[in-house]
């Protein structure tokens, strides 16, 4: 394990980390954008938007492929596999019920899982995340199957920054602290005391990063991940907004799922660095 303690002691006064556990959206400088709702209120023609946009990410280790239904009548996504995401689908504004079905049965009236009163606001983008275990024998400490529903805060991203929606969906992992150890002599705490299903957003300057997971509060890296320069990958017209979700497979192996609309719609999986 790579220790943080010595470097931390040398850099405490330079880090500028925020210790407020109640803040949901953070940046390395402590800046927050409390008024950003994720709404994009006009279409490309300048007309007010009447629809919302929804995409789905499948991070449930034992669910197998699933189909996603809306109001038990519309099959919105079919054959979505573990470690896979979708492109956005356009959905009229309103409230919906959502059903997750086994494709071999595919009966929305008898789903594996259902959610009622899912709101879709006009001009707003959303990501739905399937997480946790479906088999009761695998469920411990509240890591059963569920669906997370996040507003994609795509407005107001600073120039030359990528906005990352971070999420802890690793069902076999408890509380973690997240560190930026790109410069190992100057580690920076990105997010602390992160529990299963917690999410936040953070704005990061374009560049490559080494991210450390500390799972036992000993200021040592239990896992590190090399994250590519997503900003440098972006062609013109692509919004620099990335989903970056920790998850694990049915054997407990932890990885990161990364997704950028119109570039990496299905997502990519980043394995941990070798020891």
Foldseek 3Di string as FASTA:
>chain_A
DAFQVVLCVVAVVPQCDDPPQPDFAAASNRDDDVVQPQFDQADPVRHGFQWEKEKEAEFAQPPAFKWKDKQQPRGPGGRQGHLWMAFIDIGGFDFIKMAIADVVVPRRVDGLDIDGGDGTDGRWYKYKYWAFYSDPVPDDPPRHTDIDIDTFRQPDADPQKAKEKEFERASVAAFKWKWWCQPVSHIHTDHGRHGHGRIHIYIDGFAKTKMFIDRPPPNGGPWIFIGGRVSVVDDPPFGRYKYWYWYAHPVSQIWIWIAGHPPRRTTDITHTDDD
